[in-house]
C-alpha atoms as a PDB file:
ATOM      1  CA  MET A   1      -4.981  -7.741  11.787  1.00  0.00           C
ATOM      2  CA  VAL A   2      -5.773  -4.855  10.300  1.00  0.00           C
ATOM      3  CA  GLU A   3      -7.719  -4.854   7.111  1.00  0.00           C
ATOM      4  CA  VAL A   4      -5.980  -2.343   3.992  1.00  0.00           C
ATOM      5  CA  LYS A   5      -6.841  -1.193   0.839  1.00  0.00           C
ATOM      6  CA  VAL A   6      -3.851  -0.179  -2.266  1.00  0.00           C
ATOM      7  CA  SER A   7      -4.375   3.571  -2.016  1.00  0.00           C
ATOM      8  CA  GLY A   8      -1.637   4.118  -4.950  1.00  0.00           C
ATOM      9  CA  VAL A   9       1.916   3.240  -5.873  1.00  0.00           C
ATOM     10  CA  ILE A  10       4.029   6.586  -5.966  1.00  0.00           C
ATOM     11  CA  LEU A  11       7.834   7.148  -6.481  1.00  0.00           C
ATOM     12  CA  GLU A  12       9.967   8.242  -3.743  1.00  0.00           C
ATOM     13  CA  PRO A  13      10.907  11.399  -4.970  1.00  0.00           C
ATOM     14  CA  GLN A  14      15.328  11.630  -4.836  1.00  0.00           C
ATOM     15  CA  SER A  15      15.855   8.093  -5.485  1.00  0.00           C
ATOM     16  CA  ARG A  16      12.438   7.497  -7.768  1.00  0.00           C
ATOM     17  CA  SER A  17      11.993   4.067  -6.278  1.00  0.00           C
ATOM     18  CA  PRO A  18       8.271   2.933  -6.167  1.00  0.00           C
ATOM     19  CA  ILE A  19       6.490   2.765  -3.240  1.00  0.00           C
ATOM     20  CA  VAL A  20       3.121   0.502  -2.463  1.00  0.00           C
ATOM     21  CA  VAL A  21       0.395   2.891  -0.162  1.00  0.00           C
ATOM     22  CA  LEU A  22      -1.685   0.387   1.951  1.00  0.00           C
ATOM     23  CA  LYS A  23      -4.196   2.599   3.686  1.00  0.00           C
ATOM     24  CA  ASP A  24      -6.438   1.346   6.422  1.00  0.00           C
ATOM     25  CA  GLU A  25     -10.246   1.340   6.389  1.00  0.00           C
ATOM     26  CA  GLU A  26     -10.617   4.569   8.187  1.00  0.00           C
ATOM     27  CA  GLU A  27      -7.709   6.368   6.227  1.00  0.00           C
ATOM     28  CA  ARG A  28      -6.137   7.228   9.700  1.00  0.00           C
ATOM     29  CA  ARG A  29      -2.628   5.421   8.738  1.00  0.00           C
ATOM     30  CA  ALA A  30      -0.730   4.511   5.572  1.00  0.00           C
ATOM     31  CA  LEU A  31       2.224   1.612   5.668  1.00  0.00           C
ATOM     32  CA  LEU A  32       4.525   2.588   2.721  1.00  0.00           C
ATOM     33  CA  ILE A  33       6.737  -0.558   1.295  1.00  0.00           C
ATOM     34  CA  TRP A  34       8.854   0.058  -1.154  1.00  0.00           C
ATOM     35  CA  VAL A  35       9.093  -2.049  -4.035  1.00  0.00           C
ATOM     36  CA  GLY A  36      10.847  -3.372  -7.292  1.00  0.00           C
ATOM     37  CA  GLU A  37      10.003  -1.477 -10.832  1.00  0.00           C
ATOM     38  CA  PRO A  38       8.380  -5.094 -12.422  1.00  0.00           C
ATOM     39  CA  GLU A  39       6.597  -5.479  -9.397  1.00  0.00           C
ATOM     40  CA  ALA A  40       4.807  -1.929  -9.027  1.00  0.00           C
ATOM     41  CA  ASN A  41       4.155  -2.111 -12.729  1.00  0.00           C
ATOM     42  CA  ALA A  42       2.120  -5.329 -11.595  1.00  0.00           C
ATOM     43  CA  ILE A  43       0.305  -4.136  -9.045  1.00  0.00           C
ATOM     44  CA  LEU A  44      -0.541  -0.825 -11.010  1.00  0.00           C
ATOM     45  CA  LEU A  45      -2.157  -2.887 -13.563  1.00  0.00           C
ATOM     46  CA  GLY A  46      -3.623  -4.921 -10.978  1.00  0.00           C
ATOM     47  CA  MET A  47      -5.611  -2.092  -9.206  1.00  0.00           C
ATOM     48  CA  GLU A  48      -6.396  -0.354 -12.982  1.00  0.00           C
ATOM     49  CA  LYS A  49      -7.585  -3.565 -14.196  1.00  0.00           C
ATOM     50  CA  ILE A  50      -5.359  -3.501 -17.747  1.00  0.00           C
ATOM     51  CA  PRO A  51      -5.880  -6.717 -19.290  1.00  0.00           C
ATOM     52  CA  THR A  52      -2.601  -7.916 -21.233  1.00  0.00           C
ATOM     53  CA  PRO A  53      -1.793  -9.497 -24.319  1.00  0.00           C
ATOM     54  CA  ARG A  54      -0.336 -12.503 -22.836  1.00  0.00           C
ATOM     55  CA  PRO A  55      -0.618 -13.716 -19.037  1.00  0.00           C
ATOM     56  CA  LEU A  56       1.922 -11.929 -16.728  1.00  0.00           C
ATOM     57  CA  THR A  57       3.569 -13.853 -13.824  1.00  0.00           C
ATOM     58  CA  HIS A  58       0.397 -12.638 -11.240  1.00  0.00           C
ATOM     59  CA  ASP A  59      -1.702 -13.585 -13.836  1.00  0.00           C
ATOM     60  CA  LEU A  60       0.001 -17.298 -14.425  1.00  0.00           C
ATOM     61  CA  PHE A  61      -0.217 -17.890 -10.715  1.00  0.00           C
ATOM     62  CA  PHE A  62      -3.810 -16.482 -10.202  1.00  0.00           C
ATOM     63  CA  ASN A  63      -5.012 -18.733 -13.583  1.00  0.00           C
ATOM     64  CA  THR A  64      -3.239 -21.629 -12.047  1.00  0.00           C
ATOM     65  CA  LEU A  65      -5.193 -21.195  -8.662  1.00  0.00           C
ATOM     66  CA  LYS A  66      -8.218 -21.140 -10.577  1.00  0.00           C
ATOM     67  CA  THR A  67      -7.639 -24.365 -12.660  1.00  0.00           C
ATOM     68  CA  LEU A  68      -6.915 -25.919  -9.635  1.00  0.00           C
ATOM     69  CA  GLU A  69      -9.686 -25.139  -7.644  1.00  0.00           C
ATOM     70  CA  ALA A  70      -8.003 -22.994  -5.247  1.00  0.00           C
ATOM     71  CA  GLU A  71      -8.992 -19.672  -4.134  1.00  0.00           C
ATOM     72  CA  LEU A  72      -6.883 -16.793  -2.481  1.00  0.00           C
ATOM     73  CA  GLY A  73      -8.935 -16.271   0.746  1.00  0.00           C
ATOM     74  CA  GLU A  74      -6.551 -13.218   1.925  1.00  0.00           C
ATOM     75  CA  ILE A  75      -2.728 -12.023   2.533  1.00  0.00           C
ATOM     76  CA  ARG A  76      -1.748 -11.234   5.005  1.00  0.00           C
ATOM     77  CA  ILE A  77       1.635  -8.734   5.678  1.00  0.00           C
ATOM     78  CA  SER A  78       2.597 -10.339   8.575  1.00  0.00           C
ATOM     79  CA  ASP A  79       6.201  -9.654  10.007  1.00  0.00           C
ATOM     80  CA  MET A  80       8.624  -7.623   9.750  1.00  0.00           C
ATOM     81  CA  LYS A  81      12.623  -8.141  10.210  1.00  0.00           C
ATOM     82  CA  ASN A  82      15.580  -5.793   9.625  1.00  0.00           C
ATOM     83  CA  ASN A  83      13.127  -3.440   7.608  1.00  0.00           C
ATOM     84  CA  THR A  84      11.776  -6.458   5.080  1.00  0.00           C
ATOM     85  CA  PHE A  85       8.303  -6.966   5.478  1.00  0.00           C
ATOM     86  CA  PHE A  86       6.778 -10.856   4.661  1.00  0.00           C
ATOM     87  CA  ALA A  87       3.661 -11.721   3.466  1.00  0.00           C
ATOM     88  CA  GLU A  88       2.037 -14.856   3.350  1.00  0.00           C
ATOM     89  CA  LEU A  89      -1.445 -15.996   0.705  1.00  0.00           C
ATOM     90  CA  LYS A  90      -3.908 -17.521   2.592  1.00  0.00           C
ATOM     91  CA  LEU A  91      -5.079 -20.188   0.632  1.00  0.00           C
ATOM     92  CA  ALA A  92      -8.313 -23.160   0.380  1.00  0.00           C
ATOM     93  CA  TRP A  93      -7.318 -25.665  -1.700  1.00  0.00           C
ATOM     94  CA  GLY A  94      -8.964 -29.342  -1.311  1.00  0.00           C
ATOM     95  CA  GLY A  95     -10.343 -28.557   1.585  1.00  0.00           C
ATOM     96  CA  LYS A  96      -7.542 -27.111   3.777  1.00  0.00           C
ATOM     97  CA  GLU A  97      -6.378 -24.333   4.512  1.00  0.00           C
ATOM     98  CA  VAL A  98      -2.856 -23.566   3.129  1.00  0.00           C
ATOM     99  CA  ILE A  99      -0.112 -20.877   3.910  1.00  0.00           C
ATOM    100  CA  ILE A 100       2.176 -19.733   1.286  1.00  0.00           C
ATOM    101  CA  ASP A 101       5.275 -17.640   1.965  1.00  0.00           C
ATOM    102  CA  ALA A 102       5.675 -14.723  -0.434  1.00  0.00           C
ATOM    103  CA  ARG A 103       7.289 -11.376  -1.207  1.00  0.00           C
ATOM    104  CA  PRO A 104       4.401  -8.267  -0.618  1.00  0.00           C
ATOM    105  CA  SER A 105       4.522  -6.738  -3.802  1.00  0.00           C
ATOM    106  CA  ASP A 106       3.618 -10.204  -4.946  1.00  0.00           C
ATOM    107  CA  ALA A 107       1.064 -11.153  -2.699  1.00  0.00           C
ATOM    108  CA  ILE A 108      -0.081  -7.842  -2.953  1.00  0.00           C
ATOM    109  CA  ALA A 109      -0.111  -8.067  -6.939  1.00  0.00           C
ATOM    110  CA  LEU A 110      -2.733 -11.301  -6.388  1.00  0.00           C
ATOM    111  CA  ALA A 111      -4.695  -9.874  -4.093  1.00  0.00           C
ATOM    112  CA  LEU A 112      -5.634  -7.239  -6.480  1.00  0.00           C
ATOM    113  CA  ARG A 113      -6.343 -10.081  -9.683  1.00  0.00           C
ATOM    114  CA  ALA A 114      -8.080 -12.350  -7.098  1.00  0.00           C
ATOM    115  CA  LYS A 115     -10.070  -9.575  -5.487  1.00  0.00           C
ATOM    116  CA  ALA A 116      -8.753 -11.133  -1.711  1.00  0.00           C
ATOM    117  CA  PRO A 117      -8.499  -8.581   1.244  1.00  0.00           C
ATOM    118  CA  ILE A 118      -5.357  -7.582   2.259  1.00  0.00           C
ATOM    119  CA  PHE A 119      -4.393  -7.623   5.724  1.00  0.00           C
ATOM    120  CA  VAL A 120      -1.219  -6.322   7.869  1.00  0.00           C
ATOM    121  CA  ALA A 121      -0.409  -7.645  11.542  1.00  0.00           C
ATOM    122  CA  GLU A 122      -1.420  -4.793  14.104  1.00  0.00           C
ATOM    123  CA  GLU A 123       2.429  -4.449  15.260  1.00  0.00           C
ATOM    124  CA  ILE A 124       3.632  -3.430  12.107  1.00  0.00           C
ATOM    125  CA  MET A 125       0.973  -0.998  11.686  1.00  0.00           C
ATOM    126  CA  ALA A 126       1.604   0.267  15.167  1.00  0.00           C
ATOM    127  CA  ASN A 127       5.267   0.049  14.725  1.00  0.00           C
ATOM    128  CA  SER A 128       5.878   1.564  11.264  1.00  0.00           C
ATOM    129  CA  ALA A 129       2.516   2.833   9.502  1.00  0.00           C
ATOM    130  CA  ILE A 130       2.720   6.861   8.984  1.00  0.00           C
ATOM    131  CA  PRO A 131      -0.670   8.458  10.250  1.00  0.00           C
ATOM    132  CA  ILE A 132      -2.819  10.439   7.885  1.00  0.00           C
ATOM    133  CA  ASN A 133      -4.572  13.254   8.622  1.00  0.00           C
ATOM    134  CA  ASN A 134      -7.514  13.951   5.921  1.00  0.00           C
ATOM    135  CA  THR A 135      -8.949  16.722   7.955  1.00  0.00           C
ATOM    136  CA  ARG A 136      -9.068  20.172   5.496  1.00  0.00           C
ATOM    137  CA  GLU A 137      -9.284  22.310   9.229  1.00  0.00           C
ATOM    138  CA  ASP A 138      -5.850  20.382   9.920  1.00  0.00           C
ATOM    139  CA  SER A 139      -4.064  21.448   7.051  1.00  0.00           C
ATOM    140  CA  ASP A 140      -5.380  24.520   7.510  1.00  0.00           C
ATOM    141  CA  SER A 141      -4.595  25.015  10.497  1.00  0.00           C
ATOM    142  CA  GLU A 142      -0.965  23.339   9.942  1.00  0.00           C
ATOM    143  CA  GLU A 143      -0.458  26.356   6.978  1.00  0.00           C
ATOM    144  CA  PHE A 144      -1.070  28.870   9.219  1.00  0.00           C
ATOM    145  CA  ARG A 145       1.479  27.522  12.262  1.00  0.00           C
ATOM    146  CA  LYS A 146       3.889  27.486   9.315  1.00  0.00           C
ATOM    147  CA  PHE A 147       3.150  31.020   7.997  1.00  0.00           C
ATOM    148  CA  ILE A 148       3.231  32.552  12.182  1.00  0.00           C
ATOM    149  CA  GLN A 149       6.429  30.872  12.619  1.00  0.00           C
ATOM    150  CA  ASN A 150       7.757  32.436   9.311  1.00  0.00           C
ATOM    151  CA  VAL A 151       6.709  35.617   8.855  1.00  0.00           C
ATOM    152  CA  LYS A 152       8.396  39.189   9.021  1.00  0.00           C
ATOM    153  CA  PRO A 153       8.033  42.296   9.666  1.00  0.00           C
ATOM    154  CA  SER A 154       9.442  43.431   6.414  1.00  0.00           C
ATOM    155  CA  ASP A 155       6.699  41.066   4.929  1.00  0.00           C
ATOM    156  CA  PHE A 156       4.512  43.798   5.450  1.00  0.00           C
ATOM    157  CA  ASN A 157       3.659  46.398   3.199  1.00  0.00           C
ATOM    158  CA  ARG A 158       2.291  50.394   5.272  1.00  0.00           C
ATOM    159  CA  LEU A 159      -0.452  51.552   3.570  1.00  0.00           C
ATOM    160  CA  GLY A 160       0.117  54.782   2.313  1.00  0.00           C
ATOM    161  CA  GLY A 161       4.429  54.878   2.732  1.00  0.00           C
END
């Protein structure tokens, strides 16, 4: 399992669908998970720790866990079938470990409230994550490569003439 952090929620440019971005600890890979608007909102509220006047669904579930003295140890994005991710909540309750099936978006929203770690199966990261290139040098090299490929003689003005 690979520990990841919620980097943010972005909008897919064409469909304007929300996407949760999960990055590994080294920020070398990012896993993108499309979610619904209400789930994206719940994740953003959890990320920003914005209080709401009344508990929302994820707050209610978290408050229920606390009241029952159950602890959310971690969440795991454990499987992917037919382009759908599957997640699990790993709870400690009454001296037992309890695993509960969950949608990744709900699990992430809950993990943010509980300050629980988020893990993704290595196979999912290997097959579905995209590489991240964070170095400035690589970015500059890519820009220069594109420039060289697309430059035409007419792009240069002759001196004096």
